[in-house]
Amino acid sequence: HGSVELWAQDNKWGKGIRAKLRAVMFYKDG
């Protein structure tokens, strides 16, 4: 299970759609 924060970048490095990693919970083997 994951948790991310989506945000829109618009600064001196340009524009983009980014995802900030917040948390990861192990769920099951694969």
PDB file of all heavy atoms in Angstrom:
ATOM      1  N   HIS A   1       0.880  -1.158   0.000  1.00  0.00           N
ATOM      2  CA  HIS A   1       0.000   0.000   0.000  1.00  0.00           C
ATOM      3  C   HIS A   1       0.925   1.219   0.000  1.00  0.00           C
ATOM      4  O   HIS A   1       1.889   1.265   0.771  1.00  0.00           O
ATOM      5  CB  HIS A   1      -0.884   0.040   1.245  1.00  0.00           C
ATOM      6  CG  HIS A   1      -1.777  -1.150   1.397  1.00  0.00           C
ATOM      7  ND1 HIS A   1      -2.415  -1.761   0.341  1.00  0.00           N
ATOM      8  CD2 HIS A   1      -2.139  -1.854   2.508  1.00  0.00           C
ATOM      9  CE1 HIS A   1      -3.139  -2.765   0.778  1.00  0.00           C
ATOM     10  NE2 HIS A   1      -2.992  -2.843   2.092  1.00  0.00           N
ATOM     11  N   GLY A   2       0.646   2.194  -0.847  1.00  0.00           N
ATOM     12  CA  GLY A   2       1.492   3.368  -0.917  1.00  0.00           C
ATOM     13  C   GLY A   2       0.716   4.645  -0.626  1.00  0.00           C
ATOM     14  O   GLY A   2      -0.513   4.688  -0.722  1.00  0.00           O
ATOM     15  N   SER A   3       1.444   5.675  -0.259  1.00  0.00           N
ATOM     16  CA  SER A   3       0.860   6.995  -0.071  1.00  0.00           C
ATOM     17  C   SER A   3       1.807   8.019  -0.687  1.00  0.00           C
ATOM     18  O   SER A   3       2.993   8.057  -0.344  1.00  0.00           O
ATOM     19  CB  SER A   3       0.660   7.304   1.420  1.00  0.00           C
ATOM     20  OG  SER A   3       0.175   8.627   1.599  1.00  0.00           O
ATOM     21  N   VAL A   4       1.287   8.815  -1.614  1.00  0.00           N
ATOM     22  CA  VAL A   4       2.107   9.828  -2.283  1.00  0.00           C
ATOM     23  C   VAL A   4       1.366  11.163  -2.285  1.00  0.00           C
ATOM     24  O   VAL A   4       0.135  11.216  -2.159  1.00  0.00           O
ATOM     25  CB  VAL A   4       2.461   9.429  -3.734  1.00  0.00           C
ATOM     26  CG1 VAL A   4       3.165   8.090  -3.778  1.00  0.00           C
ATOM     27  CG2 VAL A   4       1.215   9.401  -4.607  1.00  0.00           C
ATOM     28  N   GLU A   5       2.121  12.218  -2.436  1.00  0.00           N
ATOM     29  CA  GLU A   5       1.554  13.557  -2.549  1.00  0.00           C
ATOM     30  C   GLU A   5       1.823  14.090  -3.951  1.00  0.00           C
ATOM     31  O   GLU A   5       2.976  14.293  -4.332  1.00  0.00           O
ATOM     32  CB  GLU A   5       2.189  14.478  -1.507  1.00  0.00           C
ATOM     33  CG  GLU A   5       1.722  15.914  -1.575  1.00  0.00           C
ATOM     34  CD  GLU A   5       2.467  16.797  -0.586  1.00  0.00           C
ATOM     35  OE1 GLU A   5       2.966  16.280   0.435  1.00  0.00           O
ATOM     36  OE2 GLU A   5       2.564  18.014  -0.851  1.00  0.00           O
ATOM     37  N   LEU A   6       0.775  14.246  -4.720  1.00  0.00           N
ATOM     38  CA  LEU A   6       0.900  14.795  -6.075  1.00  0.00           C
ATOM     39  C   LEU A   6       0.971  16.314  -6.009  1.00  0.00           C
ATOM     40  O   LEU A   6       0.224  16.940  -5.253  1.00  0.00           O
ATOM     41  CB  LEU A   6      -0.299  14.394  -6.926  1.00  0.00           C
ATOM     42  CG  LEU A   6      -0.281  13.047  -7.643  1.00  0.00           C
ATOM     43  CD1 LEU A   6      -1.576  12.881  -8.410  1.00  0.00           C
ATOM     44  CD2 LEU A   6       0.910  12.922  -8.565  1.00  0.00           C
ATOM     45  N   TRP A   7       1.853  16.901  -6.816  1.00  0.00           N
ATOM     46  CA  TRP A   7       1.917  18.363  -6.859  1.00  0.00           C
ATOM     47  C   TRP A   7       2.384  18.835  -8.228  1.00  0.00           C
ATOM     48  O   TRP A   7       3.052  18.099  -8.961  1.00  0.00           O
ATOM     49  CB  TRP A   7       2.823  18.911  -5.749  1.00  0.00           C
ATOM     50  CG  TRP A   7       4.257  18.460  -5.806  1.00  0.00           C
ATOM     51  CD1 TRP A   7       4.747  17.240  -5.428  1.00  0.00           C
ATOM     52  CD2 TRP A   7       5.380  19.219  -6.257  1.00  0.00           C
ATOM     53  NE1 TRP A   7       6.113  17.194  -5.616  1.00  0.00           N
ATOM     54  CE2 TRP A   7       6.536  18.390  -6.111  1.00  0.00           C
ATOM     55  CE3 TRP A   7       5.545  20.512  -6.750  1.00  0.00           C
ATOM     56  CZ2 TRP A   7       7.813  18.825  -6.468  1.00  0.00           C
ATOM     57  CZ3 TRP A   7       6.818  20.950  -7.095  1.00  0.00           C
ATOM     58  CH2 TRP A   7       7.935  20.094  -6.943  1.00  0.00           C
ATOM     59  N   ALA A   8       1.976  20.043  -8.561  1.00  0.00           N
ATOM     60  CA  ALA A   8       2.334  20.638  -9.847  1.00  0.00           C
ATOM     61  C   ALA A   8       3.513  21.577  -9.646  1.00  0.00           C
ATOM     62  O   ALA A   8       3.455  22.504  -8.836  1.00  0.00           O
ATOM     63  CB  ALA A   8       1.139  21.385 -10.431  1.00  0.00           C
ATOM     64  N   GLN A   9       4.564  21.340 -10.409  1.00  0.00           N
ATOM     65  CA  GLN A   9       5.769  22.163 -10.331  1.00  0.00           C
ATOM     66  C   GLN A   9       5.716  23.274 -11.378  1.00  0.00           C
ATOM     67  O   GLN A   9       5.358  23.049 -12.526  1.00  0.00           O
ATOM     68  CB  GLN A   9       7.003  21.296 -10.575  1.00  0.00           C
ATOM     69  CG  GLN A   9       8.306  22.061 -10.706  1.00  0.00           C
ATOM     70  CD  GLN A   9       9.437  21.189 -11.222  1.00  0.00           C
ATOM     71  OE1 GLN A   9       9.402  19.973 -11.125  1.00  0.00           O
ATOM     72  NE2 GLN A   9      10.445  21.831 -11.787  1.00  0.00           N
ATOM     73  N   ASP A  10       6.091  24.472 -10.973  1.00  0.00           N
ATOM     74  CA  ASP A  10       6.217  25.583 -11.906  1.00  0.00           C
ATOM     75  C   ASP A  10       7.181  26.588 -11.282  1.00  0.00           C
ATOM     76  O   ASP A  10       6.782  27.481 -10.529  1.00  0.00           O
ATOM     77  CB  ASP A  10       4.857  26.232 -12.172  1.00  0.00           C
ATOM     78  CG  ASP A  10       4.892  27.162 -13.382  1.00  0.00           C
ATOM     79  OD1 ASP A  10       6.009  27.560 -13.790  1.00  0.00           O
ATOM     80  OD2 ASP A  10       3.817  27.480 -13.910  1.00  0.00           O
ATOM     81  N   ASN A  11       8.466  26.426 -11.571  1.00  0.00           N
ATOM     82  CA  ASN A  11       9.492  27.265 -10.952  1.00  0.00           C
ATOM     83  C   ASN A  11      10.660  27.438 -11.929  1.00  0.00           C
ATOM     84  O   ASN A  11      10.518  27.155 -13.118  1.00  0.00           O
ATOM     85  CB  ASN A  11       9.955  26.660  -9.623  1.00  0.00           C
ATOM     86  CG  ASN A  11      10.379  25.201  -9.755  1.00  0.00           C
ATOM     87  OD1 ASN A  11      10.847  24.762 -10.811  1.00  0.00           O
ATOM     88  ND2 ASN A  11      10.204  24.427  -8.687  1.00  0.00           N
ATOM     89  N   LYS A  12      11.810  27.854 -11.419  1.00  0.00           N
ATOM     90  CA  LYS A  12      12.949  28.117 -12.299  1.00  0.00           C
ATOM     91  C   LYS A  12      13.466  26.861 -12.986  1.00  0.00           C
ATOM     92  O   LYS A  12      14.206  26.947 -13.968  1.00  0.00           O
ATOM     93  CB  LYS A  12      14.079  28.787 -11.510  1.00  0.00           C
ATOM     94  CG  LYS A  12      14.681  27.925 -10.408  1.00  0.00           C
ATOM     95  CD  LYS A  12      15.784  28.687  -9.680  1.00  0.00           C
ATOM     96  CE  LYS A  12      16.421  27.840  -8.587  1.00  0.00           C
ATOM     97  NZ  LYS A  12      17.482  28.586  -7.868  1.00  0.00           N
ATOM     98  N   TRP A  13      13.080  25.686 -12.473  1.00  0.00           N
ATOM     99  CA  TRP A  13      13.489  24.426 -13.108  1.00  0.00           C
ATOM    100  C   TRP A  13      12.462  23.944 -14.132  1.00  0.00           C
ATOM    101  O   TRP A  13      12.631  22.894 -14.732  1.00  0.00           O
ATOM    102  CB  TRP A  13      13.717  23.353 -12.051  1.00  0.00           C
ATOM    103  CG  TRP A  13      14.920  23.634 -11.193  1.00  0.00           C
ATOM    104  CD1 TRP A  13      16.243  23.487 -11.536  1.00  0.00           C
ATOM    105  CD2 TRP A  13      14.914  24.152  -9.869  1.00  0.00           C
ATOM    106  NE1 TRP A  13      17.056  23.864 -10.497  1.00  0.00           N
ATOM    107  CE2 TRP A  13      16.271  24.280  -9.454  1.00  0.00           C
ATOM    108  CE3 TRP A  13      13.915  24.513  -8.969  1.00  0.00           C
ATOM    109  CZ2 TRP A  13      16.624  24.760  -8.202  1.00  0.00           C
ATOM    110  CZ3 TRP A  13      14.269  24.991  -7.719  1.00  0.00           C
ATOM    111  CH2 TRP A  13      15.611  25.115  -7.350  1.00  0.00           C
ATOM    112  N   GLY A  14      11.387  24.698 -14.299  1.00  0.00           N
ATOM    113  CA  GLY A  14      10.398  24.346 -15.297  1.00  0.00           C
ATOM    114  C   GLY A  14       9.095  23.828 -14.702  1.00  0.00           C
ATOM    115  O   GLY A  14       8.872  23.887 -13.494  1.00  0.00           O
ATOM    116  N   LYS A  15       8.262  23.319 -15.580  1.00  0.00           N
ATOM    117  CA  LYS A  15       6.953  22.791 -15.175  1.00  0.00           C
ATOM    118  C   LYS A  15       7.026  21.268 -15.100  1.00  0.00           C
ATOM    119  O   LYS A  15       7.821  20.627 -15.784  1.00  0.00           O
ATOM    120  CB  LYS A  15       5.877  23.213 -16.175  1.00  0.00           C
ATOM    121  CG  LYS A  15       5.609  24.703 -16.221  1.00  0.00           C
ATOM    122  CD  LYS A  15       4.522  25.017 -17.245  1.00  0.00           C
ATOM    123  CE  LYS A  15       4.130  26.491 -17.223  1.00  0.00           C
ATOM    124  NZ  LYS A  15       5.248  27.378 -17.603  1.00  0.00           N
ATOM    125  N   GLY A  16       6.135  20.697 -14.279  1.00  0.00           N
ATOM    126  CA  GLY A  16       6.085  19.244 -14.173  1.00  0.00           C
ATOM    127  C   GLY A  16       4.977  18.799 -13.232  1.00  0.00           C
ATOM    128  O   GLY A  16       4.406  19.600 -12.486  1.00  0.00           O
ATOM    129  N   ILE A  17       4.673  17.530 -13.291  1.00  0.00           N
ATOM    130  CA  ILE A  17       3.773  16.895 -12.325  1.00  0.00           C
ATOM    131  C   ILE A  17       4.615  15.899 -11.546  1.00  0.00           C
ATOM    132  O   ILE A  17       5.168  14.955 -12.116  1.00  0.00           O
ATOM    133  CB  ILE A  17       2.588  16.184 -13.005  1.00  0.00           C
ATOM    134  CG1 ILE A  17       1.705  17.187 -13.734  1.00  0.00           C
ATOM    135  CG2 ILE A  17       1.776  15.405 -11.967  1.00  0.00           C
ATOM    136  CD1 ILE A  17       0.966  18.163 -12.834  1.00  0.00           C
ATOM    137  N   ARG A  18       4.724  16.122 -10.237  1.00  0.00           N
ATOM    138  CA  ARG A  18       5.607  15.335  -9.387  1.00  0.00           C
ATOM    139  C   ARG A  18       4.813  14.557  -8.342  1.00  0.00           C
ATOM    140  O   ARG A  18       3.687  14.931  -7.994  1.00  0.00           O
ATOM    141  CB  ARG A  18       6.606  16.243  -8.665  1.00  0.00           C
ATOM    142  CG  ARG A  18       7.369  17.197  -9.570  1.00  0.00           C
ATOM    143  CD  ARG A  18       8.275  16.468 -10.520  1.00  0.00           C
ATOM    144  NE  ARG A  18       9.121  17.393 -11.281  1.00  0.00           N
ATOM    145  CZ  ARG A  18       9.911  17.011 -12.269  1.00  0.00           C
ATOM    146  NH1 ARG A  18       9.973  15.732 -12.634  1.00  0.00           N
ATOM    147  NH2 ARG A  18      10.641  17.908 -12.921  1.00  0.00           N
ATOM    148  N   ALA A  19       5.429  13.499  -7.837  1.00  0.00           N
ATOM    149  CA  ALA A  19       4.850  12.734  -6.740  1.00  0.00           C
ATOM    150  C   ALA A  19       5.884  12.635  -5.622  1.00  0.00           C
ATOM    151  O   ALA A  19       7.011  12.169  -5.839  1.00  0.00           O
ATOM    152  CB  ALA A  19       4.431  11.338  -7.193  1.00  0.00           C
ATOM    153  N   LYS A  20       5.509  13.076  -4.453  1.00  0.00           N
ATOM    154  CA  LYS A  20       6.361  13.007  -3.271  1.00  0.00           C
ATOM    155  C   LYS A  20       6.020  11.740  -2.496  1.00  0.00           C
ATOM    156  O   LYS A  20       4.865  11.519  -2.120  1.00  0.00           O
ATOM    157  CB  LYS A  20       6.145  14.244  -2.398  1.00  0.00           C
ATOM    158  CG  LYS A  20       6.977  14.272  -1.130  1.00  0.00           C
ATOM    159  CD  LYS A  20       6.681  15.549  -0.354  1.00  0.00           C
ATOM    160  CE  LYS A  20       7.470  15.617   0.934  1.00  0.00           C
ATOM    161  NZ  LYS A  20       7.165  16.859   1.693  1.00  0.00           N
ATOM    162  N   LEU A  21       7.000  10.899  -2.260  1.00  0.00           N
ATOM    163  CA  LEU A  21       6.778   9.635  -1.557  1.00  0.00           C
ATOM    164  C   LEU A  21       6.581   9.887  -0.072  1.00  0.00           C
ATOM    165  O   LEU A  21       7.431  10.475   0.589  1.00  0.00           O
ATOM    166  CB  LEU A  21       7.976   8.701  -1.781  1.00  0.00           C
ATOM    167  CG  LEU A  21       7.897   7.323  -1.123  1.00  0.00           C
ATOM    168  CD1 LEU A  21       6.691   6.547  -1.636  1.00  0.00           C
ATOM    169  CD2 LEU A  21       9.187   6.554  -1.389  1.00  0.00           C
ATOM    170  N   ARG A  22       5.454   9.429   0.464  1.00  0.00           N
ATOM    171  CA  ARG A  22       5.143   9.630   1.874  1.00  0.00           C
ATOM    172  C   ARG A  22       5.306   8.359   2.708  1.00  0.00           C
ATOM    173  O   ARG A  22       5.946   8.373   3.753  1.00  0.00           O
ATOM    174  CB  ARG A  22       3.695  10.130   2.016  1.00  0.00           C
ATOM    175  CG  ARG A  22       3.469  11.528   1.490  1.00  0.00           C
ATOM    176  CD  ARG A  22       1.980  11.857   1.407  1.00  0.00           C
ATOM    177  NE  ARG A  22       1.252  11.507   2.622  1.00  0.00           N
ATOM    178  CZ  ARG A  22       1.180  12.296   3.694  1.00  0.00           C
ATOM    179  NH1 ARG A  22       1.781  13.467   3.712  1.00  0.00           N
ATOM    180  NH2 ARG A  22       0.480  11.918   4.751  1.00  0.00           N
ATOM    181  N   ALA A  23       4.735   7.255   2.227  1.00  0.00           N
ATOM    182  CA  ALA A  23       4.760   6.028   3.034  1.00  0.00           C
ATOM    183  C   ALA A  23       4.560   4.801   2.159  1.00  0.00           C
ATOM    184  O   ALA A  23       3.916   4.865   1.107  1.00  0.00           O
ATOM    185  CB  ALA A  23       3.674   6.080   4.110  1.00  0.00           C
ATOM    186  N   VAL A  24       5.117   3.686   2.629  1.00  0.00           N
ATOM    187  CA  VAL A  24       4.946   2.386   1.966  1.00  0.00           C
ATOM    188  C   VAL A  24       4.666   1.348   3.049  1.00  0.00           C
ATOM    189  O   VAL A  24       5.411   1.252   4.030  1.00  0.00           O
ATOM    190  CB  VAL A  24       6.199   1.976   1.173  1.00  0.00           C
ATOM    191  CG1 VAL A  24       6.006   0.587   0.559  1.00  0.00           C
ATOM    192  CG2 VAL A  24       6.510   2.992   0.087  1.00  0.00           C
ATOM    193  N   MET A  25       3.607   0.579   2.870  1.00  0.00           N
ATOM    194  CA  MET A  25       3.280  -0.514   3.787  1.00  0.00           C
ATOM    195  C   MET A  25       3.347  -1.833   3.036  1.00  0.00           C
ATOM    196  O   MET A  25       2.673  -2.002   2.009  1.00  0.00           O
ATOM    197  CB  MET A  25       1.880  -0.334   4.385  1.00  0.00           C
ATOM    198  CG  MET A  25       1.429  -1.518   5.252  1.00  0.00           C
ATOM    199  SD  MET A  25      -0.279  -1.368   5.845  1.00  0.00           S
ATOM    200  CE  MET A  25      -0.035  -0.185   7.177  1.00  0.00           C
ATOM    201  N   PHE A  26       4.166  -2.776   3.513  1.00  0.00           N
ATOM    202  CA  PHE A  26       4.226  -4.096   2.898  1.00  0.00           C
ATOM    203  C   PHE A  26       2.853  -4.746   3.021  1.00  0.00           C
ATOM    204  O   PHE A  26       2.240  -4.765   4.100  1.00  0.00           O
ATOM    205  CB  PHE A  26       5.280  -4.957   3.593  1.00  0.00           C
ATOM    206  CG  PHE A  26       5.335  -6.366   3.072  1.00  0.00           C
ATOM    207  CD1 PHE A  26       5.987  -6.664   1.894  1.00  0.00           C
ATOM    208  CD2 PHE A  26       4.719  -7.401   3.768  1.00  0.00           C
ATOM    209  CE1 PHE A  26       6.029  -7.967   1.398  1.00  0.00           C
ATOM    210  CE2 PHE A  26       4.753  -8.701   3.295  1.00  0.00           C
ATOM    211  CZ  PHE A  26       5.413  -8.983   2.108  1.00  0.00           C
ATOM    212  N   TYR A  27       2.370  -5.318   1.901  1.00  0.00           N
ATOM    213  CA  TYR A  27       1.052  -5.948   1.906  1.00  0.00           C
ATOM    214  C   TYR A  27       1.133  -7.465   1.756  1.00  0.00           C
ATOM    215  O   TYR A  27       0.608  -8.202   2.574  1.00  0.00           O
ATOM    216  CB  TYR A  27       0.189  -5.353   0.803  1.00  0.00           C
ATOM    217  CG  TYR A  27      -1.186  -5.963   0.696  1.00  0.00           C
ATOM    218  CD1 TYR A  27      -2.038  -5.993   1.792  1.00  0.00           C
ATOM    219  CD2 TYR A  27      -1.639  -6.515  -0.500  1.00  0.00           C
ATOM    220  CE1 TYR A  27      -3.298  -6.563   1.714  1.00  0.00           C
ATOM    221  CE2 TYR A  27      -2.903  -7.072  -0.605  1.00  0.00           C
ATOM    222  CZ  TYR A  27      -3.731  -7.099   0.506  1.00  0.00           C
ATOM    223  OH  TYR A  27      -4.977  -7.660   0.416  1.00  0.00           O
ATOM    224  N   LYS A  28       1.820  -7.940   0.685  1.00  0.00           N
ATOM    225  CA  LYS A  28       1.956  -9.383   0.511  1.00  0.00           C
ATOM    226  C   LYS A  28       3.110  -9.672  -0.432  1.00  0.00           C
ATOM    227  O   LYS A  28       3.562  -8.796  -1.178  1.00  0.00           O
ATOM    228  CB  LYS A  28       0.663  -9.994  -0.022  1.00  0.00           C
ATOM    229  CG  LYS A  28       0.269  -9.529  -1.416  1.00  0.00           C
ATOM    230  CD  LYS A  28      -1.039 -10.185  -1.858  1.00  0.00           C
ATOM    231  CE  LYS A  28      -1.442  -9.719  -3.262  1.00  0.00           C
ATOM    232  NZ  LYS A  28      -2.708 -10.350  -3.707  1.00  0.00           N
ATOM    233  N   ASP A  29       3.578 -10.897  -0.400  1.00  0.00           N
ATOM    234  CA  ASP A  29       4.685 -11.310  -1.259  1.00  0.00           C
ATOM    235  C   ASP A  29       4.232 -11.408  -2.717  1.00  0.00           C
ATOM    236  O   ASP A  29       3.055 -11.612  -3.018  1.00  0.00           O
ATOM    237  CB  ASP A  29       5.234 -12.669  -0.816  1.00  0.00           C
ATOM    238  CG  ASP A  29       6.024 -12.580   0.478  1.00  0.00           C
ATOM    239  OD1 ASP A  29       6.841 -11.658   0.598  1.00  0.00           O
ATOM    240  OD2 ASP A  29       5.809 -13.425   1.366  1.00  0.00           O
ATOM    241  N   GLY A  30       5.203 -11.266  -3.607  1.00  0.00           N
ATOM    242  CA  GLY A  30       4.992 -11.443  -5.031  1.00  0.00           C
ATOM    243  C   GLY A  30       6.273 -11.972  -5.643  1.00  0.00           C
ATOM    244  O   GLY A  30       7.304 -12.051  -4.961  1.00  0.00           O
TER     245      GLY A  30
END
